[in-house]
Protein backbone atom coordinates (compact mmCIF):
# COMPACT_ATOMS: atom_id res chain seq x y z
CA MET A 1 54.90 -35.10 84.45
CA LYS A 2 53.22 -37.51 82.00
CA TYR A 3 52.77 -35.75 78.29
CA GLU A 4 51.43 -37.22 74.95
CA LEU A 5 53.20 -37.86 72.12
CA GLU A 6 52.52 -35.88 68.87
CA THR A 7 54.44 -37.54 66.59
CA ILE A 8 53.40 -36.62 63.36
CA PRO A 9 53.74 -33.03 63.59
CA ILE A 10 57.14 -33.08 64.57
CA TRP A 11 57.97 -35.94 61.74
CA ASP A 12 56.15 -33.44 59.11
CA THR A 13 58.01 -30.30 60.45
CA TYR A 14 61.69 -31.86 60.70
CA THR A 15 61.26 -32.94 57.05
CA THR A 16 60.73 -28.80 55.93
CA ASP A 17 63.72 -27.98 58.03
CA PRO A 18 62.97 -24.93 59.52
CA HIS A 19 64.69 -22.27 61.60
CA CYS A 20 63.31 -23.20 64.27
CA PRO A 21 60.89 -26.24 64.72
CA LEU A 22 59.23 -24.80 67.72
CA CYS A 23 58.63 -21.94 65.92
CA THR A 24 56.52 -23.28 63.01
CA LEU A 25 54.84 -25.61 65.27
CA GLU A 26 53.64 -23.06 67.82
CA LYS A 27 52.41 -20.66 64.91
CA LYS A 28 50.11 -23.64 63.55
CA ALA A 29 49.12 -24.41 67.09
CA GLU A 30 48.44 -20.80 67.62
CA ASN A 31 46.59 -19.91 64.20
CA THR A 32 44.45 -23.48 65.20
CA TYR A 33 43.46 -21.72 68.81
CA ILE A 34 42.17 -18.19 66.98
CA GLY A 35 40.03 -19.82 64.51
CA PHE A 36 38.97 -22.41 67.60
CA PHE A 37 38.09 -19.17 69.44
CA LEU A 38 36.44 -17.46 66.75
CA GLY A 39 34.16 -21.01 66.22
CA ASN A 40 31.02 -21.77 67.75
CA SER A 41 32.47 -23.86 70.70
CA VAL A 42 33.43 -20.66 72.15
CA MET A 43 29.85 -20.12 72.83
CA ASN A 44 29.64 -23.33 75.46
CA PRO A 45 28.84 -22.02 79.07
CA GLU A 46 31.94 -23.66 80.87
CA LEU A 47 34.32 -22.21 78.00
CA ARG A 48 32.38 -19.09 78.19
CA VAL A 49 32.52 -18.61 81.72
CA GLN A 50 36.62 -19.19 81.38
CA VAL A 51 36.86 -16.28 78.64
CA ASN A 52 34.73 -13.76 80.71
CA ARG A 53 37.80 -14.83 83.60
CA THR A 54 40.46 -14.91 81.82
CA GLY A 55 40.29 -13.06 78.40
CA PHE A 56 43.15 -13.00 75.87
CA CYS A 57 46.70 -10.82 75.42
CA PRO A 58 46.89 -7.83 73.02
CA ASP A 59 48.76 -9.74 70.85
CA HIS A 60 46.20 -12.76 70.84
CA TYR A 61 43.03 -10.16 70.71
CA ALA A 62 44.75 -8.18 67.88
CA GLY A 63 45.03 -11.54 66.15
CA LEU A 64 41.40 -12.53 66.77
CA TYR A 65 40.30 -9.04 65.74
CA ASN A 66 42.82 -9.28 62.24
CA ARG A 67 41.63 -12.63 61.10
CA GLY A 68 38.14 -10.86 60.26
CA GLU A 69 36.22 -13.27 61.12
CA ASN A 70 33.08 -14.08 63.53
CA ARG A 71 33.52 -10.37 64.79
CA HIS A 72 29.55 -10.50 66.02
CA GLY A 73 30.98 -13.71 67.99
CA LEU A 74 33.98 -12.01 68.94
CA GLY A 75 32.21 -9.00 70.02
CA LEU A 76 30.04 -10.93 72.26
CA ILE A 77 32.76 -12.45 74.35
CA THR A 78 34.61 -9.26 74.28
CA GLN A 79 31.47 -7.33 75.90
CA THR A 80 31.05 -10.30 78.82
CA HIS A 81 34.74 -10.22 79.55
CA LEU A 82 35.09 -6.78 79.44
CA LYS A 83 31.72 -6.91 82.25
CA GLN A 84 34.01 -8.87 84.32
CA VAL A 85 37.02 -6.85 84.00
CA ARG A 86 35.30 -3.74 85.44
CA GLU A 87 33.26 -6.01 88.36
CA THR A 88 36.75 -7.28 88.97
CA LEU A 89 38.59 -3.78 89.05
CA SER A 90 35.65 -1.63 90.38
CA LEU A 91 38.03 1.82 88.98
CA GLY A 92 34.58 3.98 89.56
CA LYS A 93 34.85 3.03 93.71
CA GLN A 94 38.47 2.93 93.91
CA ALA A 95 39.52 6.10 92.56
CA GLY A 96 39.41 8.08 95.52
CA VAL A 97 40.07 5.34 97.73
CA VAL A 98 43.63 4.41 96.44
CA ARG A 99 44.64 8.57 96.71
CA GLY A 100 47.44 8.63 98.68
CA SER A 101 47.38 4.50 99.43
CA ALA A 102 50.56 3.18 98.35
CA LYS A 103 49.41 -0.37 99.63
CA LYS A 104 46.18 0.06 97.76
CA LEU A 105 47.90 1.41 94.40
CA ALA A 106 50.31 -1.34 94.39
CA ALA A 107 46.55 -4.14 94.84
CA LEU A 108 45.34 -2.17 91.65
CA LEU A 109 48.36 -2.00 89.62
CA LYS A 110 48.53 -6.07 90.52
CA LYS A 111 45.32 -6.38 89.46
CA LEU A 112 45.91 -4.16 85.79
CA THR A 113 48.99 -6.48 85.67
CA LYS A 114 47.47 -9.77 85.84
CA ILE A 115 44.52 -9.18 83.79
CA GLU A 116 46.70 -8.31 80.39
CA GLU A 117 49.19 -10.64 81.39
CA GLN A 118 46.24 -13.55 81.39
CA CYS A 119 45.74 -15.21 78.28
CA MET A 120 43.38 -18.72 76.91
CA ILE A 121 45.52 -19.02 73.52
CA CYS A 122 48.83 -18.37 75.29
CA ASP A 123 47.61 -20.56 78.00
CA ARG A 124 46.76 -23.35 75.63
CA MET A 125 49.79 -22.80 73.56
CA GLY A 126 52.30 -23.25 76.29
CA ASN A 127 50.89 -26.58 77.48
CA THR A 128 51.11 -27.92 73.38
CA LEU A 129 54.41 -26.15 73.29
CA LYS A 130 55.61 -28.80 76.18
CA ARG A 131 53.75 -31.37 74.30
CA TYR A 132 55.82 -30.48 70.86
CA ALA A 133 59.00 -30.24 73.20
CA PHE A 134 58.46 -33.62 75.43
CA THR A 135 57.95 -35.48 71.91
CA ILE A 136 61.16 -34.00 70.20
CA VAL A 137 63.42 -35.56 73.49
CA HIS A 138 61.51 -39.09 73.10
CA LEU A 139 61.93 -38.98 69.22
CA TRP A 140 65.83 -38.37 69.95
CA LYS A 141 66.07 -40.87 72.72
CA LYS A 142 63.62 -43.75 70.96
CA ASP A 143 64.33 -43.30 67.42
CA SER A 144 67.83 -43.56 65.63
CA SER A 145 66.35 -42.04 61.79
CA PHE A 146 65.22 -39.33 64.13
CA ARG A 147 67.97 -38.45 65.78
CA GLU A 148 69.89 -38.19 62.46
CA LYS A 149 67.70 -35.78 61.44
CA TYR A 150 67.94 -33.74 64.49
CA SER A 151 71.73 -33.73 64.33
CA ARG A 152 71.21 -32.15 60.32
CA SER A 153 68.69 -29.91 61.56
CA ARG A 154 69.40 -25.92 62.02
CA GLY A 155 68.70 -26.14 66.34
CA VAL A 156 66.13 -23.92 67.61
CA CYS A 157 65.66 -20.14 68.43
CA LEU A 158 66.93 -18.48 71.60
CA HIS A 159 63.44 -17.97 72.58
CA HIS A 160 62.49 -21.54 72.73
CA LEU A 161 65.38 -23.09 73.58
CA PRO A 162 64.98 -23.12 77.04
CA ILE A 163 61.78 -24.99 76.67
CA LEU A 164 63.63 -27.80 74.85
CA LEU A 165 66.76 -27.98 77.12
CA SER A 166 64.45 -28.22 80.28
CA MET A 167 62.25 -31.25 78.77
CA SER A 168 65.64 -32.69 78.41
CA GLN A 169 66.17 -32.83 82.04
CA GLU A 170 62.70 -34.34 82.62
CA ALA A 171 62.95 -36.75 79.91
CA LEU A 172 66.53 -37.46 79.87
CA GLN A 173 69.46 -38.60 82.49
CA GLY A 174 73.19 -39.31 82.18
CA GLY A 175 75.01 -39.06 79.39
CA GLU A 176 72.15 -39.33 77.22
CA GLN A 177 71.22 -35.92 78.32
CA GLU A 178 74.18 -34.58 78.18
CA ARG A 179 74.72 -35.61 74.56
CA PHE A 180 71.33 -34.43 73.42
CA ILE A 181 71.94 -30.89 75.51
CA ARG A 182 75.74 -30.80 73.46
CA THR A 183 73.94 -31.30 70.17
CA THR A 184 71.25 -28.70 70.85
CA LEU A 185 73.93 -26.20 72.11
CA GLU A 186 75.98 -26.90 68.83
CA LEU A 187 73.50 -27.12 66.49
CA THR A 188 72.01 -23.28 67.56
CA ASP A 189 75.22 -21.85 67.92
CA LYS A 190 76.02 -22.86 64.21
CA TYR A 191 73.01 -21.61 63.03
CA LEU A 192 73.42 -18.50 64.88
CA GLU A 193 76.91 -17.50 63.50
CA LYS A 194 75.88 -18.18 59.99
CA ALA A 195 72.61 -16.00 60.73
CA GLU A 196 75.36 -13.00 62.30
CA ASN A 197 77.77 -14.05 58.59
CA ASP A 198 74.91 -13.59 56.50
CA LEU A 199 73.40 -10.00 58.33
CA LEU A 200 76.81 -8.83 57.66
CA VAL A 201 76.18 -9.32 54.01
CA PHE A 202 73.08 -8.06 54.18
CA THR A 203 74.04 -5.11 55.69
CA GLY A 204 77.13 -4.63 53.26
CA LYS A 205 75.11 -4.64 49.83
CA TYR A 206 73.62 -1.31 51.13
CA GLY A 207 77.19 0.04 50.59
CA PHE A 208 77.20 2.57 47.37
CA GLU A 209 80.13 0.49 46.00
CA LYS A 210 77.66 -3.10 46.15
CA ALA A 211 74.74 -1.72 45.03
CA ASN A 212 74.32 -3.39 41.78
CA GLU A 213 75.41 -6.89 43.42
CA SER A 214 72.85 -10.07 43.01
CA TRP A 215 71.36 -11.02 46.36
CA GLY A 216 71.71 -14.64 47.20
CA GLU A 217 71.18 -16.32 50.64
CA GLU A 218 71.72 -13.17 52.75
CA ARG A 219 68.22 -11.70 51.25
CA PHE A 220 66.50 -13.55 54.31
CA ALA A 221 69.01 -12.68 57.20
CA LEU A 222 67.70 -10.04 58.68
CA ILE A 223 64.49 -12.13 59.16
CA THR A 224 66.58 -15.01 59.94
CA SER A 225 67.99 -13.22 62.34
CA ILE A 226 65.40 -11.84 64.36
CA GLN A 227 63.50 -15.18 64.36
CA LYS A 228 66.54 -16.43 66.22
CA LEU A 229 66.57 -13.97 68.13
CA THR A 230 62.97 -13.32 69.36
CA GLY A 231 61.04 -17.22 68.04
CA LYS A 232 58.59 -14.72 66.38
CA LEU A 233 58.13 -15.35 62.48
CA LEU A 234 57.74 -12.82 60.46
CA LYS A 235 56.57 -11.78 56.52
CA ILE A 236 59.19 -12.31 54.09
CA GLN A 237 59.97 -9.30 52.79
CA TYR A 238 63.42 -9.33 51.05
CA ILE A 239 65.20 -7.76 47.95
CA ILE A 240 66.19 -9.48 44.74
CA ASP A 241 68.62 -7.02 42.26
CA ASN A 242 67.36 -3.78 43.96
CA THR A 243 64.11 -4.62 43.26
CA THR A 244 61.34 -5.02 46.59
CA ALA A 245 59.72 -8.79 46.47
CA HIS A 246 56.93 -9.87 48.81
CA GLY A 247 56.01 -13.54 49.80
CA ASP A 248 54.13 -15.07 52.99
């Protein structure tokens, strides 16, 4: 498959030394797409048909609403999507039909599952992440300066590790593929180990004998560990000298 290169966002992200570059890139893409579907472009007839048919997953519907923008537009696309969903399910007509029919009930459950899993934003983010993963592998192969920066990165989270390893199978061969995979796994494990060790210190600080000790980098251990495990960027909430502080 042919992928479009997007080198600038990759370089920009790796320069900030994040715990997982793909987490950062995914979050930026998500914010962009949420803004897009709250904008005037969603009133384009062709796009509106797609939104009516596919809709959004629960997380992204919440993201659209919580943005607090263009409630009128969100209401319009939600109303026409809801109309499409009702026509697809025909729940009123099926209420008596599915009773006692395991096959018909299974078909209804399949439709319900499909509706919740479909999402215009997830689909676009998935395609964008594939392009980003390809660009990372391509830069690693072609650019020695990026290869050096990659070797000093913090690897990736477990959620994004599969897409990066899979892309290396598409874009690399032989020894190059083996070196990329080895480097990626070693980096990821190194910072998983660090997250684990920092978390031990973090939890230990809640003991009575260490209650008055100042906090160091381990203050971020919990959010870092959750991100490494799930790929979810959390709002920073940490403790300094027994005082809770908040930040974005």
